[in-house]
Amino acid sequence: MGFHEVRFPANLSFGSVGGPERRTEVVTLTNGFEERNTPWAQSRRRYDAGVAMRSLDDIARLIAFFEARRGQLYGFRWKDWSDFKSCLPSETPAFRDQRIGTGDGVTTTFPLSKRYASGDIHYDRPIAKPVQGTVLAGVSAEELVQGVHYTVDHAAGILTFADAPEAGEEVTAGFEFDVPVRFDTDTIQASVASFQAGEALSVPVVEIRL
């Protein structure tokens, strides 16, 4: 599946609308009880890039980006301004933000993830597109040095340690990240008249599995 390691202009995605979606199948039984199930292990995000357009120059940049991706053909990176850090939005990522694994003395590769918790229930979201220069990592509460103790595959979201963490050691990481997405349309319909009248352009964007 084609993917371009390029981010949709962050100044154009600022102000966009979107967030996670789930797919739940609900069957109401004859006795009034429900059976609920989901075919999705992971959530999927959707956004509308059009509502953030503020000028005709913005639309020109959008169309240029759209054409370079050949519409829906190639995926790209998207900054979700409401959720792009391993920590709270008001905080700065730190190496102890997320627990991404436990050492066994053999394993050297650990995929990045972000945990969403409510009470005793949690969901671990895979993070495949960390932002270059933002990834921090540590083992057993000791911060390590990128390029010396570990490397980062920014296209897959995987940390590789030079030495395997010992058995029982906690592996942690902090980072900023993008969402892998594609346009969910092969058509952009823009009108100068409607734009000047304040009508929002609709440009759906959807998260893709990698």
C-alpha atoms as a PDB file:
ATOM      1  CA  MET A   1       0.000   0.000   0.000  1.00  0.00           C
ATOM      2  CA  GLY A   2       1.485   3.346  -1.076  1.00  0.00           C
ATOM      3  CA  PHE A   3       2.449   5.786   1.647  1.00  0.00           C
ATOM      4  CA  HIS A   4       4.290   9.097   1.438  1.00  0.00           C
ATOM      5  CA  GLU A   5       6.299  10.048   4.529  1.00  0.00           C
ATOM      6  CA  VAL A   6       5.097  13.633   4.349  1.00  0.00           C
ATOM      7  CA  ARG A   7       2.816  15.503   6.735  1.00  0.00           C
ATOM      8  CA  PHE A   8      -0.271  17.379   5.643  1.00  0.00           C
ATOM      9  CA  PRO A   9       0.549  21.066   6.336  1.00  0.00           C
ATOM     10  CA  ALA A  10       0.006  21.437  10.084  1.00  0.00           C
ATOM     11  CA  ASN A  11      -1.230  25.013   9.751  1.00  0.00           C
ATOM     12  CA  LEU A  12      -3.981  23.747   7.438  1.00  0.00           C
ATOM     13  CA  SER A  13      -5.053  20.903   9.751  1.00  0.00           C
ATOM     14  CA  PHE A  14      -5.288  23.251  12.746  1.00  0.00           C
ATOM     15  CA  GLY A  15      -8.989  23.834  13.330  1.00  0.00           C
ATOM     16  CA  SER A  16     -10.098  20.695  11.526  1.00  0.00           C
ATOM     17  CA  VAL A  17     -12.841  18.496  12.991  1.00  0.00           C
ATOM     18  CA  GLY A  18     -12.392  14.825  13.767  1.00  0.00           C
ATOM     19  CA  GLY A  19     -11.572  12.057  16.198  1.00  0.00           C
ATOM     20  CA  PRO A  20     -11.848   8.320  16.877  1.00  0.00           C
ATOM     21  CA  GLU A  21     -14.634   6.052  15.703  1.00  0.00           C
ATOM     22  CA  ARG A  22     -15.558   2.498  16.665  1.00  0.00           C
ATOM     23  CA  ARG A  23     -17.711  -0.078  14.914  1.00  0.00           C
ATOM     24  CA  THR A  24     -20.139  -1.855  17.222  1.00  0.00           C
ATOM     25  CA  GLU A  25     -22.690  -4.382  16.070  1.00  0.00           C
ATOM     26  CA  VAL A  26     -25.795  -4.303  18.296  1.00  0.00           C
ATOM     27  CA  VAL A  27     -28.467  -7.009  18.152  1.00  0.00           C
ATOM     28  CA  THR A  28     -31.623  -6.594  20.229  1.00  0.00           C
ATOM     29  CA  LEU A  29     -32.984  -9.966  21.319  1.00  0.00           C
ATOM     30  CA  THR A  30     -36.688 -10.821  21.555  1.00  0.00           C
ATOM     31  CA  ASN A  31     -36.504 -10.561  25.350  1.00  0.00           C
ATOM     32  CA  GLY A  32     -35.221  -6.980  25.111  1.00  0.00           C
ATOM     33  CA  PHE A  33     -31.630  -7.728  26.059  1.00  0.00           C
ATOM     34  CA  GLU A  34     -28.789  -6.764  23.721  1.00  0.00           C
ATOM     35  CA  GLU A  35     -25.783  -8.539  22.300  1.00  0.00           C
ATOM     36  CA  ARG A  36     -22.946  -6.218  21.380  1.00  0.00           C
ATOM     37  CA  ASN A  37     -19.820  -7.133  19.458  1.00  0.00           C
ATOM     38  CA  THR A  38     -17.140  -5.402  17.407  1.00  0.00           C
ATOM     39  CA  PRO A  39     -15.068  -6.622  14.456  1.00  0.00           C
ATOM     40  CA  TRP A  40     -12.485  -3.906  15.169  1.00  0.00           C
ATOM     41  CA  ALA A  41      -9.700  -4.442  17.705  1.00  0.00           C
ATOM     42  CA  GLN A  42      -8.540  -0.855  17.173  1.00  0.00           C
ATOM     43  CA  SER A  43     -10.302   2.455  16.768  1.00  0.00           C
ATOM     44  CA  ARG A  44     -10.061   4.468  13.564  1.00  0.00           C
ATOM     45  CA  ARG A  45      -9.867   8.224  13.226  1.00  0.00           C
ATOM     46  CA  ARG A  46     -11.700  10.431  10.752  1.00  0.00           C
ATOM     47  CA  TYR A  47     -11.192  14.123  10.063  1.00  0.00           C
ATOM     48  CA  ASP A  48     -12.450  16.875   7.793  1.00  0.00           C
ATOM     49  CA  ALA A  49      -9.586  18.911   6.394  1.00  0.00           C
ATOM     50  CA  GLY A  50     -11.834  21.377   4.588  1.00  0.00           C
ATOM     51  CA  VAL A  51     -13.286  23.207   7.582  1.00  0.00           C
ATOM     52  CA  ALA A  52      -9.833  24.578   8.488  1.00  0.00           C
ATOM     53  CA  MET A  53      -9.378  26.419   5.177  1.00  0.00           C
ATOM     54  CA  ARG A  54      -9.222  30.175   5.832  1.00  0.00           C
ATOM     55  CA  SER A  55      -8.179  31.665   2.497  1.00  0.00           C
ATOM     56  CA  LEU A  56      -7.963  30.916  -1.201  1.00  0.00           C
ATOM     57  CA  ASP A  57      -4.213  30.394  -0.705  1.00  0.00           C
ATOM     58  CA  ASP A  58      -5.051  27.639   1.793  1.00  0.00           C
ATOM     59  CA  ILE A  59      -7.258  25.963  -0.807  1.00  0.00           C
ATOM     60  CA  ALA A  60      -4.452  26.189  -3.378  1.00  0.00           C
ATOM     61  CA  ARG A  61      -2.079  24.445  -0.946  1.00  0.00           C
ATOM     62  CA  LEU A  62      -4.713  21.812  -0.209  1.00  0.00           C
ATOM     63  CA  ILE A  63      -5.241  21.081  -3.903  1.00  0.00           C
ATOM     64  CA  ALA A  64      -1.478  20.852  -4.492  1.00  0.00           C
ATOM     65  CA  PHE A  65      -1.152  18.341  -1.648  1.00  0.00           C
ATOM     66  CA  PHE A  66      -4.196  16.396  -2.882  1.00  0.00           C
ATOM     67  CA  GLU A  67      -2.826  16.178  -6.423  1.00  0.00           C
ATOM     68  CA  ALA A  68       0.603  15.043  -5.201  1.00  0.00           C
ATOM     69  CA  ARG A  69      -1.087  12.201  -3.281  1.00  0.00           C
ATOM     70  CA  ARG A  70      -3.154  11.301  -6.373  1.00  0.00           C
ATOM     71  CA  GLY A  71      -6.348  11.595  -4.361  1.00  0.00           C
ATOM     72  CA  GLN A  72      -6.932   8.447  -2.302  1.00  0.00           C
ATOM     73  CA  LEU A  73      -3.986   6.555  -3.816  1.00  0.00           C
ATOM     74  CA  TYR A  74      -1.225   7.453  -1.350  1.00  0.00           C
ATOM     75  CA  GLY A  75      -1.371   7.777   2.401  1.00  0.00           C
ATOM     76  CA  PHE A  76       0.311  10.551   4.353  1.00  0.00           C
ATOM     77  CA  ARG A  77       0.922  11.870   7.865  1.00  0.00           C
ATOM     78  CA  TRP A  78      -1.673  13.953   9.695  1.00  0.00           C
ATOM     79  CA  LYS A  79      -1.254  15.983  12.871  1.00  0.00           C
ATOM     80  CA  ASP A  80      -4.258  15.554  15.142  1.00  0.00           C
ATOM     81  CA  TRP A  81      -4.043  18.748  17.181  1.00  0.00           C
ATOM     82  CA  SER A  82      -6.255  17.296  19.908  1.00  0.00           C
ATOM     83  CA  ASP A  83      -4.119  14.171  20.378  1.00  0.00           C
ATOM     84  CA  PHE A  84      -0.497  14.163  19.193  1.00  0.00           C
ATOM     85  CA  LYS A  85       1.579  13.551  22.346  1.00  0.00           C
ATOM     86  CA  SER A  86       2.376  10.657  24.652  1.00  0.00           C
ATOM     87  CA  CYS A  87       1.349  12.905  27.537  1.00  0.00           C
ATOM     88  CA  LEU A  88      -1.407  15.422  28.245  1.00  0.00           C
ATOM     89  CA  PRO A  89      -1.735  18.234  25.662  1.00  0.00           C
ATOM     90  CA  SER A  90      -0.483  20.837  28.153  1.00  0.00           C
ATOM     91  CA  GLU A  91       2.645  18.824  29.039  1.00  0.00           C
ATOM     92  CA  THR A  92       5.965  18.087  27.331  1.00  0.00           C
ATOM     93  CA  PRO A  93       6.737  14.467  26.391  1.00  0.00           C
ATOM     94  CA  ALA A  94       9.081  12.678  28.802  1.00  0.00           C
ATOM     95  CA  PHE A  95      10.754   9.287  28.572  1.00  0.00           C
ATOM     96  CA  ARG A  96       8.545   7.781  31.287  1.00  0.00           C
ATOM     97  CA  ASP A  97       5.204   8.749  29.679  1.00  0.00           C
ATOM     98  CA  GLN A  98       4.239   5.361  28.254  1.00  0.00           C
ATOM     99  CA  ARG A  99       5.182   1.829  29.217  1.00  0.00           C
ATOM    100  CA  ILE A 100       5.816   0.036  25.922  1.00  0.00           C
ATOM    101  CA  GLY A 101       7.092  -3.290  27.188  1.00  0.00           C
ATOM    102  CA  THR A 102       9.023  -5.384  29.707  1.00  0.00           C
ATOM    103  CA  GLY A 103      12.489  -6.732  29.081  1.00  0.00           C
ATOM    104  CA  ASP A 104      13.208 -10.447  28.849  1.00  0.00           C
ATOM    105  CA  GLY A 105      16.954 -10.321  28.243  1.00  0.00           C
ATOM    106  CA  VAL A 106      16.503 -11.267  24.585  1.00  0.00           C
ATOM    107  CA  THR A 107      14.055  -8.887  22.875  1.00  0.00           C
ATOM    108  CA  THR A 108      15.619  -5.713  21.477  1.00  0.00           C
ATOM    109  CA  THR A 109      12.698  -4.263  19.476  1.00  0.00           C
ATOM    110  CA  PHE A 110       9.654  -2.610  21.046  1.00  0.00           C
ATOM    111  CA  PRO A 111       6.766  -0.980  19.130  1.00  0.00           C
ATOM    112  CA  LEU A 112       5.529   2.369  20.383  1.00  0.00           C
ATOM    113  CA  SER A 113       2.053   2.616  21.857  1.00  0.00           C
ATOM    114  CA  LYS A 114      -0.143   5.001  23.813  1.00  0.00           C
ATOM    115  CA  ARG A 115      -2.474   3.879  26.592  1.00  0.00           C
ATOM    116  CA  TYR A 116      -5.945   5.359  27.087  1.00  0.00           C
ATOM    117  CA  ALA A 117      -7.294   4.440  30.517  1.00  0.00           C
ATOM    118  CA  SER A 118     -10.513   4.957  32.441  1.00  0.00           C
ATOM    119  CA  GLY A 119     -10.640   3.280  35.813  1.00  0.00           C
ATOM    120  CA  ASP A 120      -9.361  -0.278  35.486  1.00  0.00           C
ATOM    121  CA  ILE A 121     -10.113  -0.426  31.734  1.00  0.00           C
ATOM    122  CA  HIS A 122      -7.598   0.621  29.121  1.00  0.00           C
ATOM    123  CA  TYR A 123      -6.887   0.575  25.390  1.00  0.00           C
ATOM    124  CA  ASP A 124      -3.348   0.450  23.977  1.00  0.00           C
ATOM    125  CA  ARG A 125      -3.152   2.282  20.671  1.00  0.00           C
ATOM    126  CA  PRO A 126      -0.293   1.360  18.306  1.00  0.00           C
ATOM    127  CA  ILE A 127       1.779   4.389  17.291  1.00  0.00           C
ATOM    128  CA  ALA A 128       3.258   3.840  13.839  1.00  0.00           C
ATOM    129  CA  LYS A 129       4.301   7.373  12.895  1.00  0.00           C
ATOM    130  CA  PRO A 130       6.357   9.088  15.638  1.00  0.00           C
ATOM    131  CA  VAL A 131       7.662  12.549  14.809  1.00  0.00           C
ATOM    132  CA  GLN A 132      11.382  12.679  14.147  1.00  0.00           C
ATOM    133  CA  GLY A 133      13.415  14.295  16.900  1.00  0.00           C
ATOM    134  CA  THR A 134      10.746  13.871  19.600  1.00  0.00           C
ATOM    135  CA  VAL A 135      11.212  10.262  20.734  1.00  0.00           C
ATOM    136  CA  LEU A 136      12.661   9.692  24.212  1.00  0.00           C
ATOM    137  CA  ALA A 137      13.183   6.270  25.798  1.00  0.00           C
ATOM    138  CA  GLY A 138      14.341   4.690  29.010  1.00  0.00           C
ATOM    139  CA  VAL A 139      14.770   1.399  30.828  1.00  0.00           C
ATOM    140  CA  SER A 140      14.042   0.928  34.538  1.00  0.00           C
ATOM    141  CA  ALA A 141      13.542   4.675  35.102  1.00  0.00           C
ATOM    142  CA  GLU A 142      16.891   5.534  33.505  1.00  0.00           C
ATOM    143  CA  GLU A 143      16.786   7.723  30.405  1.00  0.00           C
ATOM    144  CA  LEU A 144      18.834   6.460  27.479  1.00  0.00           C
ATOM    145  CA  VAL A 145      20.441   8.256  24.539  1.00  0.00           C
ATOM    146  CA  GLN A 146      19.090   7.882  21.026  1.00  0.00           C
ATOM    147  CA  GLY A 147      21.796   6.854  18.574  1.00  0.00           C
ATOM    148  CA  VAL A 148      23.844   5.318  21.384  1.00  0.00           C
ATOM    149  CA  HIS A 149      21.521   3.021  23.319  1.00  0.00           C
ATOM    150  CA  TYR A 150      18.664   2.759  20.824  1.00  0.00           C
ATOM    151  CA  THR A 151      17.467   3.744  17.356  1.00  0.00           C
ATOM    152  CA  VAL A 152      14.008   4.708  16.111  1.00  0.00           C
ATOM    153  CA  ASP A 153      12.243   3.562  12.953  1.00  0.00           C
ATOM    154  CA  HIS A 154      10.111   6.644  12.347  1.00  0.00           C
ATOM    155  CA  ALA A 155       8.248   4.976   9.473  1.00  0.00           C
ATOM    156  CA  ALA A 156       7.073   2.032  11.595  1.00  0.00           C
ATOM    157  CA  GLY A 157       7.154   3.298  15.199  1.00  0.00           C
ATOM    158  CA  ILE A 158       9.651   0.734  16.489  1.00  0.00           C
ATOM    159  CA  LEU A 159      12.475   1.214  18.985  1.00  0.00           C
ATOM    160  CA  THR A 160      15.533  -1.034  18.644  1.00  0.00           C
ATOM    161  CA  PHE A 161      17.908  -1.225  21.594  1.00  0.00           C
ATOM    162  CA  ALA A 162      21.623  -1.920  21.226  1.00  0.00           C
ATOM    163  CA  ASP A 163      21.402  -4.235  24.241  1.00  0.00           C
ATOM    164  CA  ALA A 164      18.284  -6.171  25.178  1.00  0.00           C
ATOM    165  CA  PRO A 165      16.713  -4.893  28.429  1.00  0.00           C
ATOM    166  CA  GLU A 166      17.142  -7.388  31.239  1.00  0.00           C
ATOM    167  CA  ALA A 167      14.254  -9.601  32.345  1.00  0.00           C
ATOM    168  CA  GLY A 168      11.664  -7.631  34.295  1.00  0.00           C
ATOM    169  CA  GLU A 169      13.009  -4.203  33.369  1.00  0.00           C
ATOM    170  CA  GLU A 170      10.317  -1.698  32.366  1.00  0.00           C
ATOM    171  CA  VAL A 171      10.752  -0.100  28.931  1.00  0.00           C
ATOM    172  CA  THR A 172       9.208   3.357  28.579  1.00  0.00           C
ATOM    173  CA  ALA A 173       8.973   6.084  25.947  1.00  0.00           C
ATOM    174  CA  GLY A 174       7.695   9.574  25.295  1.00  0.00           C
ATOM    175  CA  PHE A 175       7.043  11.119  21.896  1.00  0.00           C
ATOM    176  CA  GLU A 176       4.957  13.192  19.551  1.00  0.00           C
ATOM    177  CA  PHE A 177       3.210  11.349  16.737  1.00  0.00           C
ATOM    178  CA  ASP A 178       1.236  11.687  13.526  1.00  0.00           C
ATOM    179  CA  VAL A 179      -1.721   9.651  12.296  1.00  0.00           C
ATOM    180  CA  PRO A 180      -1.324   7.674   9.042  1.00  0.00           C
ATOM    181  CA  VAL A 181      -4.253   8.704   6.836  1.00  0.00           C
ATOM    182  CA  ARG A 182      -5.472   9.059   3.269  1.00  0.00           C
ATOM    183  CA  PHE A 183      -8.026  11.271   1.595  1.00  0.00           C
ATOM    184  CA  ASP A 184     -11.454   9.640   1.714  1.00  0.00           C
ATOM    185  CA  THR A 185     -12.493  11.176  -1.589  1.00  0.00           C
ATOM    186  CA  ASP A 186     -11.148  11.444  -5.117  1.00  0.00           C
ATOM    187  CA  THR A 187     -12.878  14.766  -5.687  1.00  0.00           C
ATOM    188  CA  ILE A 188     -12.384  18.272  -4.299  1.00  0.00           C
ATOM    189  CA  GLN A 189     -15.062  20.780  -5.246  1.00  0.00           C
ATOM    190  CA  ALA A 190     -14.059  24.340  -4.427  1.00  0.00           C
ATOM    191  CA  SER A 191     -15.950  27.491  -5.377  1.00  0.00           C
ATOM    192  CA  VAL A 192     -14.590  30.996  -4.930  1.00  0.00           C
ATOM    193  CA  ALA A 193     -18.127  32.326  -4.520  1.00  0.00           C
ATOM    194  CA  SER A 194     -19.146  29.843  -1.843  1.00  0.00           C
ATOM    195  CA  PHE A 195     -15.835  30.231  -0.009  1.00  0.00           C
ATOM    196  CA  GLN A 196     -16.292  34.011   0.183  1.00  0.00           C
ATOM    197  CA  ALA A 197     -19.821  33.412   1.444  1.00  0.00           C
ATOM    198  CA  GLY A 198     -18.418  31.471   4.409  1.00  0.00           C
ATOM    199  CA  GLU A 199     -19.309  27.949   3.338  1.00  0.00           C
ATOM    200  CA  ALA A 200     -16.913  25.259   4.584  1.00  0.00           C
ATOM    201  CA  LEU A 201     -15.248  22.961   2.079  1.00  0.00           C
ATOM    202  CA  SER A 202     -15.634  19.238   2.859  1.00  0.00           C
ATOM    203  CA  VAL A 203     -12.447  17.185   2.474  1.00  0.00           C
ATOM    204  CA  PRO A 204     -12.774  13.894   4.402  1.00  0.00           C
ATOM    205  CA  VAL A 205      -9.624  12.191   5.671  1.00  0.00           C
ATOM    206  CA  VAL A 206      -9.538   8.697   7.203  1.00  0.00           C
ATOM    207  CA  GLU A 207      -6.941   6.756   9.194  1.00  0.00           C
ATOM    208  CA  ILE A 208      -5.369   3.735   7.479  1.00  0.00           C
ATOM    209  CA  ARG A 209      -3.955   0.494   8.870  1.00  0.00           C
ATOM    210  CA  LEU A 210      -0.291  -0.152   8.209  1.00  0.00           C
END
